[in-house]
Protein backbone atom coordinates (compact mmCIF):
# COMPACT_ATOMS: atom_id res chain seq x y z
CA MET A 1 -64.11 22.95 111.91
CA LYS A 2 -64.33 20.88 108.70
CA HIS A 3 -63.02 17.86 110.55
CA PHE A 4 -65.68 18.42 113.22
CA TYR A 5 -68.54 18.43 110.71
CA ASN A 6 -67.15 15.38 108.86
CA THR A 7 -66.90 13.26 111.99
CA LEU A 8 -70.07 14.28 113.89
CA PHE A 9 -73.28 12.30 113.40
CA LEU A 10 -76.66 12.65 115.16
CA ASN A 11 -78.10 9.47 116.62
CA ASN A 12 -81.71 8.26 116.46
CA ARG A 13 -82.13 8.99 120.16
CA PHE A 14 -81.51 12.69 119.49
CA PHE A 15 -84.22 12.77 116.82
CA TYR A 16 -86.67 10.88 119.04
CA PHE A 17 -86.24 13.49 121.78
CA LEU A 18 -86.42 16.35 119.30
CA GLY A 19 -89.58 14.87 117.77
CA THR A 20 -91.17 14.58 121.19
CA VAL A 21 -90.39 18.23 121.95
CA SER A 22 -91.82 19.28 118.57
CA VAL A 23 -95.07 17.46 119.29
CA LEU A 24 -95.32 19.19 122.67
CA PHE A 25 -94.81 22.57 120.97
CA VAL A 26 -97.74 21.81 118.68
CA VAL A 27 -99.90 20.71 121.58
CA GLY A 28 -98.80 23.86 123.44
CA PHE A 29 -100.80 26.02 121.01
CA PHE A 30 -103.94 24.45 122.44
CA VAL A 31 -102.79 23.74 126.00
CA PRO A 32 -100.41 26.49 127.20
CA ILE A 33 -98.86 24.39 129.95
CA PHE A 34 -97.32 22.04 127.36
CA PHE A 35 -95.73 25.00 125.62
CA GLU A 36 -93.77 25.86 128.76
CA VAL A 37 -92.84 22.23 129.32
CA SER A 38 -91.58 21.91 125.73
CA LYS A 39 -89.30 24.95 126.14
CA VAL A 40 -87.74 23.41 129.24
CA LEU A 41 -87.25 20.08 127.49
CA LEU A 42 -85.68 21.81 124.47
CA PHE A 43 -83.24 23.57 126.77
CA ILE A 44 -82.35 20.29 128.49
CA LEU A 45 -81.89 18.58 125.12
CA SER A 46 -79.58 21.38 123.95
CA VAL A 47 -77.49 21.15 127.12
CA LEU A 48 -77.22 17.35 126.84
CA PHE A 49 -76.26 17.69 123.17
CA PHE A 50 -73.33 20.02 123.94
CA VAL A 51 -72.30 17.88 126.91
CA ASP A 52 -72.26 14.79 124.69
CA VAL A 53 -70.19 16.58 122.03
CA PHE A 54 -67.77 17.81 124.70
CA LEU A 55 -67.35 14.28 126.12
CA LEU A 56 -66.53 12.79 122.72
CA TYR A 57 -64.25 15.54 121.40
CA ASN A 58 -62.47 16.44 124.63
CA THR A 59 -60.12 13.45 124.17
CA LYS A 60 -58.13 13.62 120.94
CA LYS A 61 -57.37 9.92 120.60
CA GLY A 62 -60.33 8.46 122.42
CA ILE A 63 -60.18 5.18 120.47
CA SER A 64 -57.12 3.34 119.19
CA LEU A 65 -57.24 0.32 116.91
CA GLU A 66 -54.65 -2.05 115.47
CA ARG A 67 -55.48 -4.41 112.61
CA ILE A 68 -53.20 -7.45 112.38
CA LEU A 69 -53.20 -9.13 108.98
CA PRO A 70 -51.36 -12.26 107.86
CA GLU A 71 -48.33 -11.72 105.64
CA ARG A 72 -50.28 -13.23 102.76
CA PHE A 73 -53.57 -14.97 102.10
CA SER A 74 -53.87 -18.72 101.60
CA ASN A 75 -56.26 -19.42 98.75
CA GLY A 76 -59.30 -21.52 99.64
CA ASP A 77 -58.53 -21.48 103.38
CA LEU A 78 -59.84 -19.47 106.32
CA ASN A 79 -57.39 -16.65 107.04
CA LYS A 80 -57.62 -14.98 110.45
CA VAL A 81 -57.67 -11.19 110.82
CA THR A 82 -57.25 -9.67 114.29
CA LEU A 83 -58.53 -6.32 115.55
CA LYS A 84 -57.21 -4.84 118.80
CA ILE A 85 -59.33 -1.91 119.99
CA LYS A 86 -58.80 0.17 123.13
CA ASN A 87 -61.10 2.74 124.78
CA ASN A 88 -59.02 5.70 126.02
CA TYR A 89 -62.07 7.63 127.27
CA LYS A 90 -62.94 7.92 130.97
CA PHE A 91 -66.36 6.38 130.43
CA THR A 92 -67.96 3.35 128.78
CA ASN A 93 -68.63 3.73 125.08
CA HIS A 94 -70.93 2.15 122.53
CA VAL A 95 -68.74 1.31 119.52
CA SER A 96 -69.46 0.08 116.00
CA ILE A 97 -66.57 -1.03 113.77
CA ILE A 98 -67.12 -1.11 110.02
CA GLU A 99 -64.31 -2.93 108.21
CA GLU A 100 -63.50 -2.09 104.59
CA VAL A 101 -62.58 -5.61 103.47
CA PRO A 102 -61.39 -6.27 99.87
CA PHE A 103 -64.10 -6.06 97.26
CA GLN A 104 -63.54 -9.68 96.22
CA PHE A 105 -65.41 -10.84 99.33
CA GLN A 106 -68.50 -8.72 98.51
CA LYS A 107 -69.16 -7.95 102.18
CA ARG A 108 -70.72 -4.49 102.41
CA ASP A 109 -72.13 -4.67 105.94
CA PHE A 110 -69.16 -5.97 107.89
CA ILE A 111 -70.10 -4.39 111.26
CA PHE A 112 -68.97 -5.27 114.79
CA PRO A 113 -71.10 -3.64 117.53
CA LEU A 114 -69.63 -3.76 121.05
CA LEU A 115 -69.58 -2.06 124.44
CA ILE A 116 -66.16 -1.08 125.80
CA ALA A 117 -65.50 0.08 129.34
CA SER A 118 -63.08 2.88 130.17
CA LYS A 119 -59.43 1.99 129.47
CA GLU A 120 -60.50 -1.48 128.36
CA GLU A 121 -58.89 -3.30 125.42
CA LYS A 122 -60.76 -5.89 123.40
CA ILE A 123 -59.52 -8.28 120.75
CA LEU A 124 -61.78 -9.30 117.87
CA PHE A 125 -61.23 -11.98 115.25
CA TYR A 126 -62.81 -12.66 111.90
CA ASP A 127 -62.01 -15.09 109.09
CA LEU A 128 -61.82 -14.44 105.37
CA LYS A 129 -61.79 -17.20 102.77
CA PRO A 130 -60.43 -16.03 99.39
CA SER A 131 -61.48 -17.97 96.32
CA GLU A 132 -59.02 -16.58 93.80
CA ARG A 133 -55.34 -15.73 93.70
CA GLY A 134 -54.23 -12.15 93.21
CA VAL A 135 -54.00 -8.89 95.12
CA TYR A 136 -56.47 -7.98 97.89
CA ASN A 137 -56.72 -4.37 99.08
CA PHE A 138 -57.92 -3.60 102.60
CA GLY A 139 -59.41 -0.17 103.23
CA ASN A 140 -59.74 1.67 106.51
CA SER A 141 -61.44 0.65 109.72
CA ASN A 142 -64.26 3.09 110.46
CA ILE A 143 -65.02 3.39 114.19
CA TYR A 144 -68.26 5.04 115.35
CA VAL A 145 -68.24 5.96 119.06
CA SER A 146 -71.13 7.07 121.27
CA SER A 147 -71.02 8.11 124.93
CA PRO A 148 -73.55 6.78 127.47
CA LEU A 149 -75.89 9.63 126.44
CA GLN A 150 -75.95 8.27 122.86
CA LEU A 151 -77.17 11.54 121.35
CA VAL A 152 -74.28 11.99 118.91
CA THR A 153 -71.59 9.77 117.38
CA LYS A 154 -67.99 10.55 116.58
CA LYS A 155 -66.29 8.83 113.64
CA TYR A 156 -62.67 7.66 113.72
CA ILE A 157 -60.88 6.48 110.60
CA LEU A 158 -58.16 4.06 111.71
CA ALA A 159 -56.13 1.10 110.34
CA GLU A 160 -54.47 2.31 107.16
CA GLU A 161 -55.08 0.77 103.75
CA LYS A 162 -52.98 -2.28 102.98
CA GLU A 163 -52.36 -4.53 100.01
CA LEU A 164 -52.17 -8.29 100.53
CA LYS A 165 -51.24 -11.01 98.03
CA CYS A 166 -53.12 -14.29 97.90
CA TYR A 167 -50.96 -17.36 97.28
CA PRO A 168 -51.91 -21.00 96.69
CA SER A 169 -53.02 -22.82 99.83
CA PHE A 170 -50.02 -23.01 102.18
CA LEU A 171 -51.86 -23.21 105.51
CA ARG A 172 -52.51 -26.93 105.02
CA LEU A 173 -48.87 -27.81 104.34
CA ARG A 174 -48.31 -28.82 107.97
CA GLU A 175 -51.40 -31.04 107.89
CA PHE A 176 -50.11 -32.96 104.88
CA ASP A 177 -46.60 -33.08 106.36
CA PHE A 178 -48.08 -35.00 109.27
CA LYS A 179 -50.02 -37.35 107.02
CA ALA A 180 -47.05 -38.03 104.76
CA PHE A 181 -44.88 -39.26 107.61
CA THR A 182 -47.44 -41.54 109.26
CA ASN A 183 -48.72 -44.91 108.20
CA ASP A 184 -52.16 -43.44 107.51
CA ALA A 185 -50.84 -41.77 104.36
CA ILE A 186 -50.35 -45.10 102.56
CA SER A 187 -53.33 -46.80 100.98
CA TYR A 188 -54.63 -50.03 102.45
CA GLY A 189 -52.95 -53.06 100.89
CA THR A 190 -49.69 -51.19 100.26
CA LYS A 191 -47.06 -51.60 102.93
CA LYS A 192 -44.02 -49.35 103.01
CA VAL A 193 -40.97 -51.52 103.81
CA ARG A 194 -37.20 -51.30 103.61
CA ARG A 195 -36.44 -52.76 100.20
CA ILE A 196 -33.29 -54.83 100.03
CA GLY A 197 -31.40 -55.57 96.85
CA HIS A 198 -33.78 -53.90 94.43
CA SER A 199 -32.86 -50.25 94.79
CA LEU A 200 -29.91 -48.35 93.41
CA GLU A 201 -28.86 -46.61 96.62
CA PHE A 202 -26.37 -48.47 98.86
CA GLU A 203 -26.85 -48.13 102.63
CA GLN A 204 -24.53 -50.54 104.47
CA ILE A 205 -22.90 -54.00 104.71
CA LYS A 206 -24.41 -56.24 107.37
CA GLU A 207 -24.31 -59.83 108.52
CA TYR A 208 -26.44 -62.28 106.60
CA VAL A 209 -29.61 -63.47 108.35
CA SER A 210 -32.19 -65.91 107.19
CA GLY A 211 -34.46 -64.28 104.64
CA ASP A 212 -31.89 -61.91 103.12
CA ASP A 213 -31.56 -61.96 99.37
CA ILE A 214 -28.53 -64.14 98.55
CA ARG A 215 -28.00 -62.14 95.35
CA THR A 216 -26.69 -59.30 97.50
CA LEU A 217 -23.88 -61.31 99.08
CA ASN A 218 -20.67 -59.30 99.33
CA TRP A 219 -17.91 -61.87 98.77
CA LYS A 220 -15.02 -59.56 99.64
CA ALA A 221 -16.53 -58.64 102.99
CA THR A 222 -17.42 -62.32 103.56
CA ALA A 223 -13.79 -63.34 103.04
CA LYS A 224 -12.50 -60.67 105.45
CA ARG A 225 -15.02 -61.45 108.25
CA ASN A 226 -15.10 -65.20 107.64
CA GLN A 227 -18.91 -65.09 107.73
CA LEU A 228 -21.59 -64.28 105.21
CA MET A 229 -22.04 -60.54 104.64
CA VAL A 230 -24.63 -58.87 102.40
CA ASN A 231 -25.07 -55.43 100.89
CA GLN A 232 -28.16 -53.60 102.10
CA TYR A 233 -29.95 -51.04 99.96
CA VAL A 234 -32.62 -48.53 100.80
CA GLU A 235 -35.27 -46.78 98.81
CA GLU A 236 -33.59 -44.60 96.23
CA LYS A 237 -33.82 -40.86 96.90
CA SER A 238 -33.42 -37.72 94.83
CA GLN A 239 -35.82 -38.84 92.13
CA PRO A 240 -37.23 -36.05 89.92
CA VAL A 241 -40.96 -35.43 90.31
CA TYR A 242 -42.72 -32.88 88.10
CA ASN A 243 -46.18 -31.46 88.78
CA ILE A 244 -47.63 -30.55 85.39
CA ILE A 245 -50.71 -28.32 85.43
CA ASP A 246 -53.09 -28.11 82.51
CA LYS A 247 -54.31 -24.51 82.48
CA GLY A 248 -56.59 -24.87 79.48
CA ARG A 249 -60.30 -24.20 79.50
CA ALA A 250 -61.11 -27.71 80.77
CA MET A 251 -59.71 -26.66 84.15
CA GLN A 252 -62.03 -23.67 84.63
CA MET A 253 -64.98 -25.64 85.99
CA GLN A 254 -66.01 -24.32 89.42
CA PHE A 255 -66.52 -26.39 92.58
CA ASN A 256 -67.17 -24.77 95.98
CA GLU A 257 -66.10 -21.32 94.72
CA LEU A 258 -62.70 -22.58 93.45
CA SER A 259 -61.82 -23.61 89.89
CA LEU A 260 -60.21 -26.96 89.10
CA LEU A 261 -57.10 -24.97 88.23
CA ASP A 262 -56.95 -23.55 91.76
CA TYR A 263 -57.41 -27.00 93.27
CA ALA A 264 -54.54 -28.27 91.12
CA ILE A 265 -52.36 -25.32 92.15
CA ASN A 266 -53.04 -25.93 95.85
CA ALA A 267 -52.26 -29.62 95.45
CA THR A 268 -49.02 -28.85 93.60
CA LEU A 269 -47.77 -26.64 96.42
CA ALA A 270 -48.59 -29.19 99.15
CA ILE A 271 -47.20 -32.20 97.26
CA SER A 272 -44.03 -30.33 96.23
CA ASN A 273 -43.37 -29.72 99.91
CA ILE A 274 -43.77 -33.45 100.67
CA ILE A 275 -41.56 -34.38 97.72
CA LEU A 276 -38.74 -32.26 99.09
CA ARG A 277 -39.28 -33.62 102.60
CA LYS A 278 -38.98 -37.13 101.13
CA GLN A 279 -35.57 -36.12 99.71
CA ASP A 280 -36.80 -36.19 96.11
CA LYS A 281 -36.46 -33.38 93.59
CA ALA A 282 -39.56 -31.24 93.02
CA GLY A 283 -40.27 -29.35 89.82
CA MET A 284 -43.28 -28.00 87.99
CA LEU A 285 -44.54 -26.60 84.72
CA SER A 286 -47.83 -25.51 83.21
CA PHE A 287 -49.15 -25.76 79.68
CA SER A 288 -52.01 -24.99 77.37
CA LYS A 289 -50.93 -23.84 73.89
CA SER A 290 -47.31 -23.78 75.04
CA LEU A 291 -45.25 -24.73 78.08
CA GLU A 292 -44.73 -22.02 80.69
CA ASP A 293 -43.65 -21.55 84.32
CA TRP A 294 -40.94 -24.19 83.95
CA ILE A 295 -39.08 -24.92 87.19
CA VAL A 296 -36.44 -27.64 86.91
CA ALA A 297 -36.72 -30.39 89.52
CA GLU A 298 -34.16 -29.66 92.24
CA LYS A 299 -33.73 -30.24 95.96
CA ARG A 300 -32.40 -26.82 96.97
CA ASN A 301 -33.60 -24.72 99.89
CA SER A 302 -35.19 -22.06 97.70
CA GLN A 303 -37.22 -24.52 95.62
CA MET A 304 -40.48 -24.02 97.51
CA SER A 305 -40.22 -20.24 97.14
CA LEU A 306 -39.71 -20.58 93.39
CA ILE A 307 -42.66 -22.93 93.04
CA SER A 308 -44.91 -20.74 95.20
CA GLU A 309 -44.15 -17.63 93.15
CA ALA A 310 -44.76 -19.46 89.88
CA LEU A 311 -48.09 -20.83 91.13
CA HIS A 312 -49.18 -17.41 92.42
CA ASN A 313 -48.98 -15.92 88.92
CA LEU A 314 -50.55 -18.87 87.11
CA LYS A 315 -53.43 -17.80 84.86
CA THR A 316 -55.45 -19.56 82.20
CA ASP A 317 -55.74 -18.48 78.59
CA PHE A 318 -58.97 -20.50 78.08
CA SER A 319 -57.38 -22.33 75.13
CA GLU A 320 -57.52 -25.98 74.10
CA SER A 321 -54.53 -27.68 75.73
CA ASP A 322 -51.83 -28.92 73.34
CA PHE A 323 -50.48 -32.25 74.61
CA SER A 324 -48.23 -32.61 71.56
CA THR A 325 -46.21 -29.58 72.67
CA LEU A 326 -46.05 -31.02 76.18
CA TYR A 327 -44.65 -34.28 74.84
CA SER A 328 -42.07 -32.71 72.53
CA VAL A 329 -40.67 -30.36 75.18
CA ILE A 330 -40.52 -33.02 77.90
CA LYS A 331 -38.79 -35.46 75.57
CA ARG A 332 -36.17 -32.81 74.79
CA LYS A 333 -35.63 -31.37 78.26
CA ILE A 334 -36.30 -34.15 80.79
CA THR A 335 -33.81 -36.89 79.99
CA HIS A 336 -33.81 -38.67 83.39
CA ARG A 337 -36.70 -41.01 84.17
CA SER A 338 -39.12 -38.99 86.31
CA LEU A 339 -42.56 -39.11 87.84
CA LEU A 340 -44.86 -36.82 85.86
CA ILE A 341 -48.02 -35.85 87.77
CA ILE A 342 -50.36 -34.32 85.18
CA TYR A 343 -53.37 -32.40 86.52
CA THR A 344 -56.01 -32.24 83.81
CA ASN A 345 -59.63 -33.18 83.22
CA PHE A 346 -61.27 -35.59 80.79
CA GLU A 347 -65.05 -35.72 80.69
CA THR A 348 -65.44 -38.32 77.91
CA MET A 349 -63.49 -41.12 76.22
CA ASP A 350 -63.32 -39.01 73.07
CA GLY A 351 -61.51 -36.30 75.05
CA LEU A 352 -59.00 -38.88 76.30
CA ASN A 353 -58.49 -40.53 72.90
CA ARG A 354 -57.42 -37.22 71.37
CA GLN A 355 -54.52 -37.04 73.84
CA LEU A 356 -53.87 -40.72 74.59
CA SER A 357 -51.11 -41.15 71.99
CA TYR A 358 -49.05 -38.38 73.62
CA LEU A 359 -49.58 -39.82 77.11
CA ARG A 360 -48.48 -43.25 75.88
CA ALA A 361 -45.38 -41.72 74.33
CA LEU A 362 -44.52 -40.00 77.63
CA ALA A 363 -45.05 -43.29 79.51
CA LYS A 364 -42.29 -44.97 77.48
CA ASN A 365 -39.60 -42.92 79.23
CA HIS A 366 -41.30 -41.71 82.41
CA LEU A 367 -43.81 -42.83 84.99
CA VAL A 368 -46.97 -40.88 84.14
CA LEU A 369 -49.68 -40.21 86.73
CA VAL A 370 -52.80 -38.57 85.31
CA VAL A 371 -54.96 -36.80 87.90
CA PHE A 372 -58.47 -35.85 86.85
CA PHE A 373 -61.73 -35.04 88.57
CA LYS A 374 -65.05 -36.57 89.47
CA ASN A 375 -68.08 -34.42 88.83
CA THR A 376 -69.52 -34.35 92.36
CA GLU A 377 -72.72 -32.70 91.17
CA LEU A 378 -73.40 -35.69 88.93
CA GLN A 379 -72.86 -38.00 91.88
CA SER A 380 -75.45 -36.15 93.95
CA LEU A 381 -77.84 -36.34 90.99
CA ILE A 382 -77.38 -40.11 90.81
CA ASN A 383 -77.95 -40.54 94.55
CA THR A 384 -81.20 -38.53 94.45
CA GLU A 385 -84.31 -40.67 94.09
CA ALA A 386 -86.12 -39.85 90.85
CA GLU A 387 -89.74 -38.72 91.21
CA ASN A 388 -90.69 -38.17 87.55
CA VAL A 389 -89.64 -39.18 84.05
CA GLN A 390 -87.39 -36.15 83.54
CA GLU A 391 -85.44 -36.94 86.70
CA VAL A 392 -85.07 -40.57 85.54
CA TYR A 393 -83.53 -39.34 82.27
CA ASP A 394 -81.22 -36.97 84.17
CA SER A 395 -80.08 -39.77 86.47
CA ILE A 396 -79.35 -42.12 83.55
CA ILE A 397 -77.32 -39.47 81.73
CA ALA A 398 -75.39 -38.71 84.93
CA GLU A 399 -74.62 -42.42 85.36
CA LYS A 400 -73.39 -42.53 81.76
CA PHE A 401 -70.96 -39.69 82.39
CA MET A 402 -69.72 -41.35 85.60
CA TYR A 403 -69.21 -44.60 83.70
CA GLU A 404 -67.14 -42.67 81.15
CA LYS A 405 -64.84 -41.52 83.96
CA ILE A 406 -64.31 -45.13 85.12
CA SER A 407 -63.68 -46.20 81.52
CA ILE A 408 -60.97 -43.54 81.26
CA VAL A 409 -59.21 -45.01 84.32
CA ASN A 410 -59.32 -48.50 82.80
CA GLU A 411 -58.09 -47.25 79.43
CA LEU A 412 -55.09 -45.53 81.02
CA LYS A 413 -54.30 -48.62 83.08
CA LYS A 414 -54.26 -50.73 79.94
CA TYR A 415 -51.23 -48.76 78.69
CA GLY A 416 -49.39 -48.70 82.01
CA ILE A 417 -50.40 -45.13 82.86
CA GLN A 418 -51.22 -44.50 86.51
CA SER A 419 -54.30 -42.43 87.33
CA VAL A 420 -56.16 -40.77 90.19
CA LEU A 421 -59.88 -40.06 89.82
CA THR A 422 -60.84 -37.83 92.71
CA SER A 423 -63.25 -35.17 93.86
CA PRO A 424 -61.80 -31.62 93.92
CA GLU A 425 -61.88 -31.30 97.71
CA ASN A 426 -59.93 -34.59 98.11
CA LEU A 427 -57.44 -33.87 95.35
CA THR A 428 -54.39 -33.14 97.51
CA GLY A 429 -54.87 -36.08 99.88
CA ASP A 430 -55.59 -38.65 97.15
CA THR A 431 -52.68 -37.51 94.98
CA LEU A 432 -50.34 -37.55 97.98
CA HIS A 433 -51.39 -41.11 98.82
CA LYS A 434 -50.74 -42.18 95.23
CA TYR A 435 -47.28 -40.57 95.22
CA LEU A 436 -46.35 -42.38 98.45
CA GLU A 437 -47.71 -45.65 97.06
CA LEU A 438 -45.67 -45.37 93.86
CA LYS A 439 -42.59 -44.45 95.87
CA SER A 440 -43.00 -47.39 98.27
CA ARG A 441 -43.38 -49.75 95.32
CA GLY A 442 -40.23 -48.37 93.75
CA LEU A 443 -41.86 -47.63 90.39
CA PHE A 444 -39.71 -44.55 89.80
């Protein structure tokens, strides 16, 4: 009986009819004929009420629902959730589905109204876009069913609660895989070619043809074949590449609901995948006051799983990043020349100058690529036509900050430090292009 009371709800249609009957009762005090009519209508309403209740409760499992969730969420991407609902009643039903989505999405009216025929199965889809890593808890699916009479509603509580983890963006890995192995991934003006005689990795001995580097002549093979033979080399593989993420307070700026730290994390996962596909060694670490989440650059099968787990748990401590600690640890632990991709953010030349000495010291033994961010809001401010004096001042200040960013690129270039200045949404693509460019030029 308790279950019956907890699942039964009266619809508006029932109250409209009951209100009409009540009005007729009142009028019946003055006009007797309406009093008799109202009694008949009340009887009919009562019969229809019990018939409606009988129709809904006569079938124990009148509605079945299956909620299909992904194994994990991809941060910053649209993740598809599927609902399969079936009407087991012998009549068409009016159904409303209220989904209890995780509180992080702040969706309190997530309702799907639909009409389902008898024995019909419908499939619904909806997308959720998480903006932070962590744990997401799904509640129940609440199904409200009404018969064609629509006097009462029965509530079903289906689809059990489930916990889902949100990892750095992995849905776009395939997209960047495609880009990395096509010519489009290399910047204009940089041509990826087979490099002969300048790499350390031997490929084969072949006959000399016009244009081959004579410094690669193999005299022993030439003597045996009685014709000129040369050694051919290919682009060296298995080079260590470290993605280094600054998780200090400079990386907490928000763009399109994601922090710069999350953009850097998503880029690290995608680029690490490409690094391994290119037969290089992928590693990562993070730093602020100290170095953490250290994963040594390797080319093993489980490397992506290790990197993904480390990135999933990455949190900021809102501290000022200590580049001196970064330098001292790297100098001690990374002895082989490597590509160091450092994701950080410098807003002014003063911010760069405080850390420039450590970046220069790292560049003596490694190829350093500093990735930092454009302020896209400043760019939109510059592009907006000023209509008053205040807006002119704002535009000038915005241009000054943008000029500072360009000055930082030039300052890094002066000391042989590579850089990528990019907008947050283009971070992964631009950094990937730069990695492929450096690799094709054989700089590491």
